[in-house]
């Protein structure tokens, strides 16, 4: 098998030209995420985080219901993976979509991977860390330690969530280009990927300002062991996950026009080119 390290370095950390976050947050803190960062928490902190997630779960569900009338579809697709380690992916279309993922899976051992800037926002940074998220480093040595942590956490039976689009685009209706990092980790560790798709729907109310939302849990996707190299397996897995997610979006009666959100957020990159 080929070594996936290069794939992980160039997909988990690289920010391509023109890819900038359309949501700007105040980040006065500056944390250092390198090879010395504690990506795997202590047992005491892990117990605290699990307890906090249990306490926060009904609150977050209430927020998602109130803000988006969130509906969860396909819970049965996650049942075969109960108690096992795997990777989840979904489109990144809301600052609260991590709560949607957590509510949908109802697993206290979910580890969310996120940009380090989320650890630099006042107040928010405390909740992000306390709920078990880990920042994605941008240095070579940092990503090596991050990768080791991902391997360890998956071996421990944890669930690790990635946003393969990388960039948050609020209320975007559809999928954007996927990076290869999540798929490289899945192939290397021989774990399935559980794809999820978030779709937006008409408000059906003059009072509601934002559209309603649904999160769809799709069947798990496993690596194809008949393919000879890891590179082939990564490419194949990425293609099958992307197709499954795109098919679900296309088949769902949801909002598909992006005229308003593009005008509002003015993305600095051609979204159509990102899919290629």
C-alpha atoms as a PDB file:
ATOM      1  CA  UNK A   1       0.000   0.000   0.000  1.00  0.00           C
ATOM      2  CA  UNK A   2       1.122   3.532  -0.693  1.00  0.00           C
ATOM      3  CA  UNK A   3       1.681   5.981   2.116  1.00  0.00           C
ATOM      4  CA  UNK A   4      -1.202   8.473   2.463  1.00  0.00           C
ATOM      5  CA  UNK A   5       0.806  11.093   4.350  1.00  0.00           C
ATOM      6  CA  UNK A   6       1.265  13.289   1.277  1.00  0.00           C
ATOM      7  CA  UNK A   7      -2.461  13.187   0.512  1.00  0.00           C
ATOM      8  CA  UNK A   8      -3.290  14.179   4.086  1.00  0.00           C
ATOM      9  CA  UNK A   9      -0.801  17.046   4.152  1.00  0.00           C
ATOM     10  CA  UNK A  10      -1.958  18.561   0.885  1.00  0.00           C
ATOM     11  CA  UNK A  11      -5.671  18.233   1.579  1.00  0.00           C
ATOM     12  CA  UNK A  12      -6.133  18.805   5.294  1.00  0.00           C
ATOM     13  CA  UNK A  13      -3.984  21.906   5.514  1.00  0.00           C
ATOM     14  CA  UNK A  14      -3.700  23.503   2.137  1.00  0.00           C
ATOM     15  CA  UNK A  15      -5.834  26.540   1.469  1.00  0.00           C
ATOM     16  CA  UNK A  16      -6.030  27.104  -2.237  1.00  0.00           C
ATOM     17  CA  UNK A  17      -5.700  30.593  -3.765  1.00  0.00           C
ATOM     18  CA  UNK A  18      -8.951  32.518  -3.538  1.00  0.00           C
ATOM     19  CA  UNK A  19     -10.441  30.240  -0.882  1.00  0.00           C
ATOM     20  CA  UNK A  20     -11.324  32.589   1.939  1.00  0.00           C
ATOM     21  CA  UNK A  21     -14.006  32.253   4.540  1.00  0.00           C
ATOM     22  CA  UNK A  22     -17.022  34.368   3.672  1.00  0.00           C
ATOM     23  CA  UNK A  23     -17.944  34.682   7.364  1.00  0.00           C
ATOM     24  CA  UNK A  24     -15.504  36.929   9.204  1.00  0.00           C
ATOM     25  CA  UNK A  25     -15.235  36.471  12.970  1.00  0.00           C
ATOM     26  CA  UNK A  26     -13.310  38.484  15.535  1.00  0.00           C
ATOM     27  CA  UNK A  27     -10.304  36.371  16.503  1.00  0.00           C
ATOM     28  CA  UNK A  28      -8.159  38.389  18.953  1.00  0.00           C
ATOM     29  CA  UNK A  29      -6.510  35.284  20.397  1.00  0.00           C
ATOM     30  CA  UNK A  30      -3.680  33.577  18.591  1.00  0.00           C
ATOM     31  CA  UNK A  31      -3.147  29.930  19.471  1.00  0.00           C
ATOM     32  CA  UNK A  32      -0.233  27.877  18.239  1.00  0.00           C
ATOM     33  CA  UNK A  33      -1.262  24.633  16.587  1.00  0.00           C
ATOM     34  CA  UNK A  34       1.901  22.673  15.891  1.00  0.00           C
ATOM     35  CA  UNK A  35       3.498  19.335  16.740  1.00  0.00           C
ATOM     36  CA  UNK A  36       3.295  20.213  20.449  1.00  0.00           C
ATOM     37  CA  UNK A  37      -0.458  20.744  20.506  1.00  0.00           C
ATOM     38  CA  UNK A  38      -2.405  18.206  22.606  1.00  0.00           C
ATOM     39  CA  UNK A  39      -4.722  16.805  19.934  1.00  0.00           C
ATOM     40  CA  UNK A  40      -5.690  13.927  22.214  1.00  0.00           C
ATOM     41  CA  UNK A  41      -7.070  15.232  25.524  1.00  0.00           C
ATOM     42  CA  UNK A  42      -6.357  13.810  28.943  1.00  0.00           C
ATOM     43  CA  UNK A  43      -8.732  11.205  30.338  1.00  0.00           C
ATOM     44  CA  UNK A  44     -10.058  13.726  32.844  1.00  0.00           C
ATOM     45  CA  UNK A  45     -10.810  16.296  30.149  1.00  0.00           C
ATOM     46  CA  UNK A  46     -12.379  13.617  27.953  1.00  0.00           C
ATOM     47  CA  UNK A  47     -14.755  12.623  30.765  1.00  0.00           C
ATOM     48  CA  UNK A  48     -15.623  16.282  31.288  1.00  0.00           C
ATOM     49  CA  UNK A  49     -16.277  16.749  27.573  1.00  0.00           C
ATOM     50  CA  UNK A  50     -18.490  13.668  27.355  1.00  0.00           C
ATOM     51  CA  UNK A  51     -20.484  14.854  30.353  1.00  0.00           C
ATOM     52  CA  UNK A  52     -20.859  18.312  28.836  1.00  0.00           C
ATOM     53  CA  UNK A  53     -22.065  16.829  25.547  1.00  0.00           C
ATOM     54  CA  UNK A  54     -24.693  14.818  27.389  1.00  0.00           C
ATOM     55  CA  UNK A  55     -25.885  17.952  29.166  1.00  0.00           C
ATOM     56  CA  UNK A  56     -25.761  20.088  26.020  1.00  0.00           C
ATOM     57  CA  UNK A  57     -27.443  17.611  23.641  1.00  0.00           C
ATOM     58  CA  UNK A  58     -31.096  18.466  24.468  1.00  0.00           C
ATOM     59  CA  UNK A  59     -30.256  22.172  24.515  1.00  0.00           C
ATOM     60  CA  UNK A  60     -28.616  22.005  21.089  1.00  0.00           C
ATOM     61  CA  UNK A  61     -31.525  19.999  19.741  1.00  0.00           C
ATOM     62  CA  UNK A  62     -33.888  22.680  21.011  1.00  0.00           C
ATOM     63  CA  UNK A  63     -31.811  25.398  19.337  1.00  0.00           C
ATOM     64  CA  UNK A  64     -31.760  23.518  16.022  1.00  0.00           C
ATOM     65  CA  UNK A  65     -35.512  22.917  16.203  1.00  0.00           C
ATOM     66  CA  UNK A  66     -36.219  26.539  17.050  1.00  0.00           C
ATOM     67  CA  UNK A  67     -33.810  28.075  14.538  1.00  0.00           C
ATOM     68  CA  UNK A  68     -34.278  25.674  11.625  1.00  0.00           C
ATOM     69  CA  UNK A  69     -37.204  23.335  12.438  1.00  0.00           C
ATOM     70  CA  UNK A  70     -34.500  20.706  11.902  1.00  0.00           C
ATOM     71  CA  UNK A  71     -35.659  17.341  10.625  1.00  0.00           C
ATOM     72  CA  UNK A  72     -33.366  14.295  10.760  1.00  0.00           C
ATOM     73  CA  UNK A  73     -33.665  11.646   8.056  1.00  0.00           C
ATOM     74  CA  UNK A  74     -31.938   8.268   7.704  1.00  0.00           C
ATOM     75  CA  UNK A  75     -31.028   7.506  11.316  1.00  0.00           C
ATOM     76  CA  UNK A  76     -31.239   3.810  10.485  1.00  0.00           C
ATOM     77  CA  UNK A  77     -28.161   4.160   8.258  1.00  0.00           C
ATOM     78  CA  UNK A  78     -25.963   4.882  11.286  1.00  0.00           C
ATOM     79  CA  UNK A  79     -27.153   1.906  13.361  1.00  0.00           C
ATOM     80  CA  UNK A  80     -24.708  -0.649  11.854  1.00  0.00           C
ATOM     81  CA  UNK A  81     -21.853   1.578  13.062  1.00  0.00           C
ATOM     82  CA  UNK A  82     -22.922   1.882  16.696  1.00  0.00           C
ATOM     83  CA  UNK A  83     -19.955   1.520  19.018  1.00  0.00           C
ATOM     84  CA  UNK A  84     -17.474   1.601  16.130  1.00  0.00           C
ATOM     85  CA  UNK A  85     -14.990   4.169  14.915  1.00  0.00           C
ATOM     86  CA  UNK A  86     -15.686   5.875  11.614  1.00  0.00           C
ATOM     87  CA  UNK A  87     -15.523   9.199   9.782  1.00  0.00           C
ATOM     88  CA  UNK A  88     -18.430  11.474   9.001  1.00  0.00           C
ATOM     89  CA  UNK A  89     -18.604  14.192   6.351  1.00  0.00           C
ATOM     90  CA  UNK A  90     -21.209  16.744   5.346  1.00  0.00           C
ATOM     91  CA  UNK A  91     -21.522  19.994   3.462  1.00  0.00           C
ATOM     92  CA  UNK A  92     -20.469  23.064   5.459  1.00  0.00           C
ATOM     93  CA  UNK A  93     -23.391  25.488   5.209  1.00  0.00           C
ATOM     94  CA  UNK A  94     -24.076  26.920   8.661  1.00  0.00           C
ATOM     95  CA  UNK A  95     -22.165  28.015  11.736  1.00  0.00           C
ATOM     96  CA  UNK A  96     -24.381  25.607  13.683  1.00  0.00           C
ATOM     97  CA  UNK A  97     -24.133  22.627  11.342  1.00  0.00           C
ATOM     98  CA  UNK A  98     -21.765  20.915  13.786  1.00  0.00           C
ATOM     99  CA  UNK A  99     -24.661  20.833  16.263  1.00  0.00           C
ATOM    100  CA  UNK A 100     -26.877  19.310  13.556  1.00  0.00           C
ATOM    101  CA  UNK A 101     -24.319  16.546  13.036  1.00  0.00           C
ATOM    102  CA  UNK A 102     -24.081  15.909  16.774  1.00  0.00           C
ATOM    103  CA  UNK A 103     -27.847  15.840  17.252  1.00  0.00           C
ATOM    104  CA  UNK A 104     -28.341  13.566  14.235  1.00  0.00           C
ATOM    105  CA  UNK A 105     -25.803  10.951  15.372  1.00  0.00           C
ATOM    106  CA  UNK A 106     -26.377  11.237  19.124  1.00  0.00           C
ATOM    107  CA  UNK A 107     -22.832  10.055  19.888  1.00  0.00           C
ATOM    108  CA  UNK A 108     -20.942  11.595  22.795  1.00  0.00           C
ATOM    109  CA  UNK A 109     -17.598  10.558  21.344  1.00  0.00           C
ATOM    110  CA  UNK A 110     -17.706  12.717  18.210  1.00  0.00           C
ATOM    111  CA  UNK A 111     -14.512  14.652  17.537  1.00  0.00           C
ATOM    112  CA  UNK A 112     -15.036  17.665  15.308  1.00  0.00           C
ATOM    113  CA  UNK A 113     -12.120  18.877  13.217  1.00  0.00           C
ATOM    114  CA  UNK A 114     -12.139  22.594  12.589  1.00  0.00           C
ATOM    115  CA  UNK A 115     -10.024  25.570  11.597  1.00  0.00           C
ATOM    116  CA  UNK A 116      -7.857  27.020  14.343  1.00  0.00           C
ATOM    117  CA  UNK A 117      -9.627  30.389  14.066  1.00  0.00           C
ATOM    118  CA  UNK A 118     -12.620  28.860  15.860  1.00  0.00           C
ATOM    119  CA  UNK A 119     -10.330  28.443  18.876  1.00  0.00           C
ATOM    120  CA  UNK A 120      -9.514  32.162  18.754  1.00  0.00           C
ATOM    121  CA  UNK A 121     -13.038  33.616  19.024  1.00  0.00           C
ATOM    122  CA  UNK A 122     -13.881  35.036  22.464  1.00  0.00           C
ATOM    123  CA  UNK A 123     -16.287  32.848  24.488  1.00  0.00           C
ATOM    124  CA  UNK A 124     -16.973  30.569  21.492  1.00  0.00           C
ATOM    125  CA  UNK A 125     -13.462  29.128  21.802  1.00  0.00           C
ATOM    126  CA  UNK A 126     -14.274  27.778  25.257  1.00  0.00           C
ATOM    127  CA  UNK A 127     -17.297  25.831  24.041  1.00  0.00           C
ATOM    128  CA  UNK A 128     -15.494  24.607  20.921  1.00  0.00           C
ATOM    129  CA  UNK A 129     -12.688  23.110  22.988  1.00  0.00           C
ATOM    130  CA  UNK A 130     -14.933  21.852  25.780  1.00  0.00           C
ATOM    131  CA  UNK A 131     -17.128  19.965  23.309  1.00  0.00           C
ATOM    132  CA  UNK A 132     -14.119  18.048  22.038  1.00  0.00           C
ATOM    133  CA  UNK A 133     -13.184  19.776  18.788  1.00  0.00           C
ATOM    134  CA  UNK A 134      -9.588  19.738  17.571  1.00  0.00           C
ATOM    135  CA  UNK A 135      -7.951  22.328  15.288  1.00  0.00           C
ATOM    136  CA  UNK A 136      -6.435  21.379  11.942  1.00  0.00           C
ATOM    137  CA  UNK A 137      -2.805  22.561  11.826  1.00  0.00           C
ATOM    138  CA  UNK A 138      -1.162  24.101   8.784  1.00  0.00           C
ATOM    139  CA  UNK A 139       2.459  23.130   9.336  1.00  0.00           C
ATOM    140  CA  UNK A 140       3.960  19.887   8.089  1.00  0.00           C
ATOM    141  CA  UNK A 141       5.043  18.732  11.546  1.00  0.00           C
ATOM    142  CA  UNK A 142       1.708  19.796  12.973  1.00  0.00           C
ATOM    143  CA  UNK A 143      -0.275  17.751  10.464  1.00  0.00           C
ATOM    144  CA  UNK A 144       1.897  14.732  11.184  1.00  0.00           C
ATOM    145  CA  UNK A 145       0.896  14.873  14.867  1.00  0.00           C
ATOM    146  CA  UNK A 146      -2.702  15.602  13.892  1.00  0.00           C
ATOM    147  CA  UNK A 147      -2.701  12.528  11.641  1.00  0.00           C
ATOM    148  CA  UNK A 148      -1.308  10.376  14.435  1.00  0.00           C
ATOM    149  CA  UNK A 149      -4.106  11.623  16.692  1.00  0.00           C
ATOM    150  CA  UNK A 150      -6.744  10.815  14.053  1.00  0.00           C
ATOM    151  CA  UNK A 151      -5.349   7.280  13.753  1.00  0.00           C
ATOM    152  CA  UNK A 152      -5.400   6.834  17.537  1.00  0.00           C
ATOM    153  CA  UNK A 153      -8.915   8.212  17.986  1.00  0.00           C
ATOM    154  CA  UNK A 154     -10.331   5.998  15.237  1.00  0.00           C
ATOM    155  CA  UNK A 155      -8.605   2.974  16.773  1.00  0.00           C
ATOM    156  CA  UNK A 156     -10.303   3.878  20.066  1.00  0.00           C
ATOM    157  CA  UNK A 157     -13.695   3.703  18.347  1.00  0.00           C
ATOM    158  CA  UNK A 158     -14.277   7.451  18.165  1.00  0.00           C
ATOM    159  CA  UNK A 159     -16.241   9.249  15.436  1.00  0.00           C
ATOM    160  CA  UNK A 160     -14.314  11.984  13.637  1.00  0.00           C
ATOM    161  CA  UNK A 161     -16.115  14.614  11.602  1.00  0.00           C
ATOM    162  CA  UNK A 162     -14.608  16.435   8.626  1.00  0.00           C
ATOM    163  CA  UNK A 163     -15.944  19.158   6.358  1.00  0.00           C
ATOM    164  CA  UNK A 164     -14.423  18.127   3.008  1.00  0.00           C
ATOM    165  CA  UNK A 165     -15.441  21.440   1.432  1.00  0.00           C
ATOM    166  CA  UNK A 166     -13.134  23.159   3.909  1.00  0.00           C
ATOM    167  CA  UNK A 167     -14.776  26.548   3.638  1.00  0.00           C
ATOM    168  CA  UNK A 168     -18.007  27.526   5.408  1.00  0.00           C
ATOM    169  CA  UNK A 169     -20.593  29.047   3.076  1.00  0.00           C
ATOM    170  CA  UNK A 170     -23.819  29.842   4.989  1.00  0.00           C
ATOM    171  CA  UNK A 171     -27.080  28.698   3.393  1.00  0.00           C
ATOM    172  CA  UNK A 172     -25.387  27.501   0.205  1.00  0.00           C
ATOM    173  CA  UNK A 173     -27.720  25.146  -1.619  1.00  0.00           C
ATOM    174  CA  UNK A 174     -25.626  22.330  -3.015  1.00  0.00           C
ATOM    175  CA  UNK A 175     -22.188  20.766  -2.791  1.00  0.00           C
ATOM    176  CA  UNK A 176     -18.835  22.394  -3.479  1.00  0.00           C
ATOM    177  CA  UNK A 177     -15.464  20.840  -4.207  1.00  0.00           C
ATOM    178  CA  UNK A 178     -14.236  18.177  -1.766  1.00  0.00           C
ATOM    179  CA  UNK A 179     -10.671  17.862  -0.496  1.00  0.00           C
ATOM    180  CA  UNK A 180      -9.176  14.408  -0.151  1.00  0.00           C
ATOM    181  CA  UNK A 181      -8.127  14.452   3.522  1.00  0.00           C
ATOM    182  CA  UNK A 182     -11.148  12.693   5.079  1.00  0.00           C
ATOM    183  CA  UNK A 183     -11.012   9.949   2.459  1.00  0.00           C
ATOM    184  CA  UNK A 184      -7.271   9.454   2.926  1.00  0.00           C
ATOM    185  CA  UNK A 185      -7.769   8.950   6.665  1.00  0.00           C
ATOM    186  CA  UNK A 186     -10.656   6.531   6.055  1.00  0.00           C
ATOM    187  CA  UNK A 187      -8.613   4.413   3.655  1.00  0.00           C
ATOM    188  CA  UNK A 188      -5.490   4.434   5.832  1.00  0.00           C
ATOM    189  CA  UNK A 189      -7.439   3.336   8.914  1.00  0.00           C
ATOM    190  CA  UNK A 190      -9.831   1.047   7.018  1.00  0.00           C
ATOM    191  CA  UNK A 191     -12.939   2.690   8.459  1.00  0.00           C
ATOM    192  CA  UNK A 192     -16.133   3.653   6.637  1.00  0.00           C
ATOM    193  CA  UNK A 193     -17.312   7.148   5.877  1.00  0.00           C
ATOM    194  CA  UNK A 194     -20.849   8.055   6.883  1.00  0.00           C
ATOM    195  CA  UNK A 195     -21.963  10.848   4.522  1.00  0.00           C
ATOM    196  CA  UNK A 196     -24.548  13.412   5.548  1.00  0.00           C
ATOM    197  CA  UNK A 197     -26.224  16.143   3.534  1.00  0.00           C
ATOM    198  CA  UNK A 198     -27.796  19.317   4.894  1.00  0.00           C
ATOM    199  CA  UNK A 199     -30.586  20.756   2.761  1.00  0.00           C
ATOM    200  CA  UNK A 200     -32.577  23.958   3.127  1.00  0.00           C
ATOM    201  CA  UNK A 201     -36.292  24.269   2.501  1.00  0.00           C
ATOM    202  CA  UNK A 202     -38.900  27.012   2.070  1.00  0.00           C
ATOM    203  CA  UNK A 203     -39.866  28.867   5.220  1.00  0.00           C
ATOM    204  CA  UNK A 204     -43.625  28.306   4.777  1.00  0.00           C
ATOM    205  CA  UNK A 205     -44.075  31.122   7.276  1.00  0.00           C
ATOM    206  CA  UNK A 206     -43.962  34.909   7.138  1.00  0.00           C
ATOM    207  CA  UNK A 207     -42.569  34.991  10.674  1.00  0.00           C
ATOM    208  CA  UNK A 208     -39.537  32.784  10.000  1.00  0.00           C
ATOM    209  CA  UNK A 209     -36.617  34.721   8.516  1.00  0.00           C
ATOM    210  CA  UNK A 210     -34.377  31.789   7.612  1.00  0.00           C
ATOM    211  CA  UNK A 211     -35.260  28.608   5.711  1.00  0.00           C
ATOM    212  CA  UNK A 212     -35.913  25.344   7.500  1.00  0.00           C
ATOM    213  CA  UNK A 213     -33.272  22.613   7.379  1.00  0.00           C
ATOM    214  CA  UNK A 214     -33.017  18.864   7.109  1.00  0.00           C
ATOM    215  CA  UNK A 215     -30.011  16.615   7.646  1.00  0.00           C
ATOM    216  CA  UNK A 216     -29.924  13.349   5.743  1.00  0.00           C
ATOM    217  CA  UNK A 217     -27.790  10.449   7.008  1.00  0.00           C
ATOM    218  CA  UNK A 218     -26.768   8.254   4.080  1.00  0.00           C
ATOM    219  CA  UNK A 219     -25.566   4.624   4.097  1.00  0.00           C
ATOM    220  CA  UNK A 220     -21.898   4.171   5.079  1.00  0.00           C
ATOM    221  CA  UNK A 221     -19.324   3.928   2.299  1.00  0.00           C
ATOM    222  CA  UNK A 222     -16.432   1.467   2.620  1.00  0.00           C
ATOM    223  CA  UNK A 223     -13.140   1.416   0.803  1.00  0.00           C
ATOM    224  CA  UNK A 224     -12.879  -0.878  -2.197  1.00  0.00           C
ATOM    225  CA  UNK A 225     -10.187  -3.386  -1.268  1.00  0.00           C
ATOM    226  CA  UNK A 226     -10.131  -4.813  -4.808  1.00  0.00           C
ATOM    227  CA  UNK A 227      -8.296  -1.658  -5.907  1.00  0.00           C
ATOM    228  CA  UNK A 228      -4.539  -2.175  -5.693  1.00  0.00           C
ATOM    229  CA  UNK A 229      -3.270   1.136  -4.308  1.00  0.00           C
ATOM    230  CA  UNK A 230      -4.383   3.486  -1.566  1.00  0.00           C
ATOM    231  CA  UNK A 231      -4.393   6.353  -4.057  1.00  0.00           C
ATOM    232  CA  UNK A 232      -6.947   4.491  -6.184  1.00  0.00           C
ATOM    233  CA  UNK A 233      -9.011   3.655  -3.114  1.00  0.00           C
ATOM    234  CA  UNK A 234      -9.016   7.268  -1.945  1.00  0.00           C
ATOM    235  CA  UNK A 235     -10.116   8.530  -5.355  1.00  0.00           C
ATOM    236  CA  UNK A 236     -12.811   5.873  -5.615  1.00  0.00           C
ATOM    237  CA  UNK A 237     -14.124   6.520  -2.105  1.00  0.00           C
ATOM    238  CA  UNK A 238     -14.236  10.263  -2.692  1.00  0.00           C
ATOM    239  CA  UNK A 239     -16.136   9.770  -5.943  1.00  0.00           C
ATOM    240  CA  UNK A 240     -18.691   7.396  -4.423  1.00  0.00           C
ATOM    241  CA  UNK A 241     -19.299   9.610  -1.385  1.00  0.00           C
ATOM    242  CA  UNK A 242     -19.626  12.700  -3.566  1.00  0.00           C
ATOM    243  CA  UNK A 243     -22.067  10.938  -5.899  1.00  0.00           C
ATOM    244  CA  UNK A 244     -24.182   9.641  -3.014  1.00  0.00           C
ATOM    245  CA  UNK A 245     -24.390  13.117  -1.493  1.00  0.00           C
ATOM    246  CA  UNK A 246     -25.098  14.800  -4.825  1.00  0.00           C
ATOM    247  CA  UNK A 247     -27.799  12.252  -5.665  1.00  0.00           C
ATOM    248  CA  UNK A 248     -29.497  12.848  -2.320  1.00  0.00           C
ATOM    249  CA  UNK A 249     -29.419  16.600  -2.874  1.00  0.00           C
ATOM    250  CA  UNK A 250     -30.776  16.268  -6.420  1.00  0.00           C
ATOM    251  CA  UNK A 251     -33.567  13.920  -5.320  1.00  0.00           C
ATOM    252  CA  UNK A 252     -34.653  16.053  -2.370  1.00  0.00           C
ATOM    253  CA  UNK A 253     -37.331  18.692  -2.755  1.00  0.00           C
ATOM    254  CA  UNK A 254     -35.193  21.488  -1.346  1.00  0.00           C
ATOM    255  CA  UNK A 255     -33.935  24.949  -2.241  1.00  0.00           C
ATOM    256  CA  UNK A 256     -31.476  24.799  -5.132  1.00  0.00           C
ATOM    257  CA  UNK A 257     -31.030  28.424  -6.185  1.00  0.00           C
ATOM    258  CA  UNK A 258     -28.056  30.354  -4.785  1.00  0.00           C
ATOM    259  CA  UNK A 259     -28.660  33.793  -6.268  1.00  0.00           C
ATOM    260  CA  UNK A 260     -29.442  35.436  -2.935  1.00  0.00           C
ATOM    261  CA  UNK A 261     -26.699  33.816  -0.853  1.00  0.00           C
ATOM    262  CA  UNK A 262     -24.013  34.509  -3.451  1.00  0.00           C
ATOM    263  CA  UNK A 263     -25.085  38.154  -3.650  1.00  0.00           C
ATOM    264  CA  UNK A 264     -25.066  38.396   0.146  1.00  0.00           C
ATOM    265  CA  UNK A 265     -21.748  36.727   0.917  1.00  0.00           C
ATOM    266  CA  UNK A 266     -19.863  37.480  -2.318  1.00  0.00           C
ATOM    267  CA  UNK A 267     -17.591  34.407  -2.440  1.00  0.00           C
ATOM    268  CA  UNK A 268     -14.022  35.200  -3.570  1.00  0.00           C
ATOM    269  CA  UNK A 269     -13.850  32.016  -5.654  1.00  0.00           C
ATOM    270  CA  UNK A 270     -15.705  30.552  -8.629  1.00  0.00           C
ATOM    271  CA  UNK A 271     -17.889  27.915  -6.962  1.00  0.00           C
ATOM    272  CA  UNK A 272     -18.399  25.989 -10.188  1.00  0.00           C
ATOM    273  CA  UNK A 273     -14.654  25.576 -10.653  1.00  0.00           C
ATOM    274  CA  UNK A 274     -14.346  24.206  -7.112  1.00  0.00           C
ATOM    275  CA  UNK A 275     -16.378  21.149  -8.163  1.00  0.00           C
ATOM    276  CA  UNK A 276     -13.879  20.181 -10.850  1.00  0.00           C
END
